[in-house]
Each structure stands twice: as structure tokens, then as C-alpha cells.
């Protein structure tokens, strides 16, 4: 599986959730128990996102069926 770049994934996720930047997204969700996560597989045509645990790295994608969901906190290197 080819994986999308972390910075690109974070930017897509921020856009999907209505934020101007990944930093704005991270600041808003800094103390939450669930945070936005995105499928990082290049094979996932839907760029699927949902809210998952902050430490999610390799969660199941309900769109493409791969273990490729990564939270914004992991993408940003916070966790």
C-alpha cells in the first residue's frame, strides 16, 4: 500500500473539517478524547475521514477496507 504524505494528509483533513490549516485543527482538538483522522492510503479514492482516538495510527478505513486511518495528532507529530 502506498501512503499519502503526512503533511498532505493533515492539510486535506483540515480542509474537510473546515479549518484553514493543520495547526488550527490541532489547536482546536488538543484536549479532546476523539479527533479527526483520515485514510492515508493512495488507493482510497474517497479520502475518508472520521473522528477516532488521538493515538490512532493504522486504524481500519470503512471506505477502502485497509488499516490506514491516522489521526491528526499522529500526522502532526504531537503523539
C-alpha atoms as a PDB file:
ATOM      1  CA  UNK A   1       0.000   0.000   0.000  1.00  0.00           C
ATOM      2  CA  UNK A   2       1.318   3.415  -0.919  1.00  0.00           C
ATOM      3  CA  UNK A   3       0.732   6.049   1.713  1.00  0.00           C
ATOM      4  CA  UNK A   4      -0.015   9.751   1.273  1.00  0.00           C
ATOM      5  CA  UNK A   5       2.475  12.234   2.749  1.00  0.00           C
ATOM      6  CA  UNK A   6       1.633  13.216   6.365  1.00  0.00           C
ATOM      7  CA  UNK A   7       1.624  16.968   5.631  1.00  0.00           C
ATOM      8  CA  UNK A   8      -0.677  16.488   2.645  1.00  0.00           C
ATOM      9  CA  UNK A   9      -2.988  14.260   4.693  1.00  0.00           C
ATOM     10  CA  UNK A  10      -3.120  16.826   7.510  1.00  0.00           C
ATOM     11  CA  UNK A  11      -3.939  19.618   5.045  1.00  0.00           C
ATOM     12  CA  UNK A  12      -6.741  17.539   3.475  1.00  0.00           C
ATOM     13  CA  UNK A  13      -8.127  16.721   6.903  1.00  0.00           C
ATOM     14  CA  UNK A  14      -8.076  20.366   7.985  1.00  0.00           C
ATOM     15  CA  UNK A  15      -9.913  21.335   4.804  1.00  0.00           C
ATOM     16  CA  UNK A  16     -12.531  18.614   5.287  1.00  0.00           C
ATOM     17  CA  UNK A  17     -13.232  19.783   8.843  1.00  0.00           C
ATOM     18  CA  UNK A  18     -13.361  23.471   7.862  1.00  0.00           C
ATOM     19  CA  UNK A  19     -10.015  24.733   9.175  1.00  0.00           C
ATOM     20  CA  UNK A  20      -7.569  26.970   7.321  1.00  0.00           C
ATOM     21  CA  UNK A  21      -4.525  24.942   8.371  1.00  0.00           C
ATOM     22  CA  UNK A  22      -3.454  21.769  10.102  1.00  0.00           C
ATOM     23  CA  UNK A  23      -2.230  23.852  13.029  1.00  0.00           C
ATOM     24  CA  UNK A  24      -5.691  25.342  13.533  1.00  0.00           C
ATOM     25  CA  UNK A  25      -7.133  21.818  13.553  1.00  0.00           C
ATOM     26  CA  UNK A  26      -4.556  20.578  16.077  1.00  0.00           C
ATOM     27  CA  UNK A  27      -5.102  23.540  18.410  1.00  0.00           C
ATOM     28  CA  UNK A  28      -8.876  23.076  18.357  1.00  0.00           C
ATOM     29  CA  UNK A  29      -8.718  19.331  19.136  1.00  0.00           C
ATOM     30  CA  UNK A  30      -5.700  19.421  21.503  1.00  0.00           C
ATOM     31  CA  UNK A  31      -7.598  18.267  24.598  1.00  0.00           C
ATOM     32  CA  UNK A  32     -10.349  16.146  23.023  1.00  0.00           C
ATOM     33  CA  UNK A  33     -10.855  12.398  23.511  1.00  0.00           C
ATOM     34  CA  UNK A  34     -11.626  11.883  19.810  1.00  0.00           C
ATOM     35  CA  UNK A  35     -10.001  13.793  16.950  1.00  0.00           C
ATOM     36  CA  UNK A  36     -10.242  13.863  13.158  1.00  0.00           C
ATOM     37  CA  UNK A  37      -8.459  11.037  11.353  1.00  0.00           C
ATOM     38  CA  UNK A  38      -8.014  10.381   7.633  1.00  0.00           C
ATOM     39  CA  UNK A  39      -7.247   7.406   5.444  1.00  0.00           C
ATOM     40  CA  UNK A  40      -3.675   7.820   4.206  1.00  0.00           C
ATOM     41  CA  UNK A  41      -3.845   5.147   1.506  1.00  0.00           C
ATOM     42  CA  UNK A  42      -3.418   6.484  -2.020  1.00  0.00           C
ATOM     43  CA  UNK A  43      -5.767   3.680  -3.100  1.00  0.00           C
ATOM     44  CA  UNK A  44      -8.628   5.204  -1.067  1.00  0.00           C
ATOM     45  CA  UNK A  45     -10.443   7.315  -3.617  1.00  0.00           C
ATOM     46  CA  UNK A  46     -12.814   8.798  -1.056  1.00  0.00           C
ATOM     47  CA  UNK A  47     -10.170  10.420   1.185  1.00  0.00           C
ATOM     48  CA  UNK A  48     -12.315   9.023   4.002  1.00  0.00           C
ATOM     49  CA  UNK A  49     -12.200  10.749   7.377  1.00  0.00           C
ATOM     50  CA  UNK A  50     -13.873  10.299  10.745  1.00  0.00           C
ATOM     51  CA  UNK A  51     -13.179  11.017  14.410  1.00  0.00           C
ATOM     52  CA  UNK A  52     -11.027   8.436  16.216  1.00  0.00           C
ATOM     53  CA  UNK A  53      -8.704   8.230  19.222  1.00  0.00           C
ATOM     54  CA  UNK A  54      -5.818  10.736  19.231  1.00  0.00           C
ATOM     55  CA  UNK A  55      -3.172   7.965  19.069  1.00  0.00           C
ATOM     56  CA  UNK A  56      -4.746   6.166  16.087  1.00  0.00           C
ATOM     57  CA  UNK A  57      -2.090   5.020  13.622  1.00  0.00           C
ATOM     58  CA  UNK A  58      -3.242   2.259  11.298  1.00  0.00           C
ATOM     59  CA  UNK A  59      -6.954   2.161  12.138  1.00  0.00           C
ATOM     60  CA  UNK A  60      -9.468   0.447   9.851  1.00  0.00           C
ATOM     61  CA  UNK A  61     -10.839   2.543   6.972  1.00  0.00           C
ATOM     62  CA  UNK A  62     -14.544   1.914   6.432  1.00  0.00           C
ATOM     63  CA  UNK A  63     -14.270   3.184   2.836  1.00  0.00           C
ATOM     64  CA  UNK A  64     -11.386   1.147   1.362  1.00  0.00           C
ATOM     65  CA  UNK A  65     -11.063  -1.603   3.986  1.00  0.00           C
ATOM     66  CA  UNK A  66      -7.364  -1.063   4.726  1.00  0.00           C
ATOM     67  CA  UNK A  67      -5.678  -0.382   8.051  1.00  0.00           C
ATOM     68  CA  UNK A  68      -4.653   3.110   7.007  1.00  0.00           C
ATOM     69  CA  UNK A  69      -6.512   5.589   9.226  1.00  0.00           C
ATOM     70  CA  UNK A  70      -4.218   8.062  11.010  1.00  0.00           C
ATOM     71  CA  UNK A  71      -5.287  10.772  13.457  1.00  0.00           C
ATOM     72  CA  UNK A  72      -4.407  14.430  13.030  1.00  0.00           C
ATOM     73  CA  UNK A  73      -2.307  14.248  16.213  1.00  0.00           C
ATOM     74  CA  UNK A  74      -0.136  11.462  14.797  1.00  0.00           C
ATOM     75  CA  UNK A  75       0.097  13.188  11.390  1.00  0.00           C
ATOM     76  CA  UNK A  76       1.304  16.392  13.091  1.00  0.00           C
ATOM     77  CA  UNK A  77       3.818  14.506  15.252  1.00  0.00           C
ATOM     78  CA  UNK A  78       2.120  15.522  18.507  1.00  0.00           C
ATOM     79  CA  UNK A  79       1.782  11.873  19.513  1.00  0.00           C
END
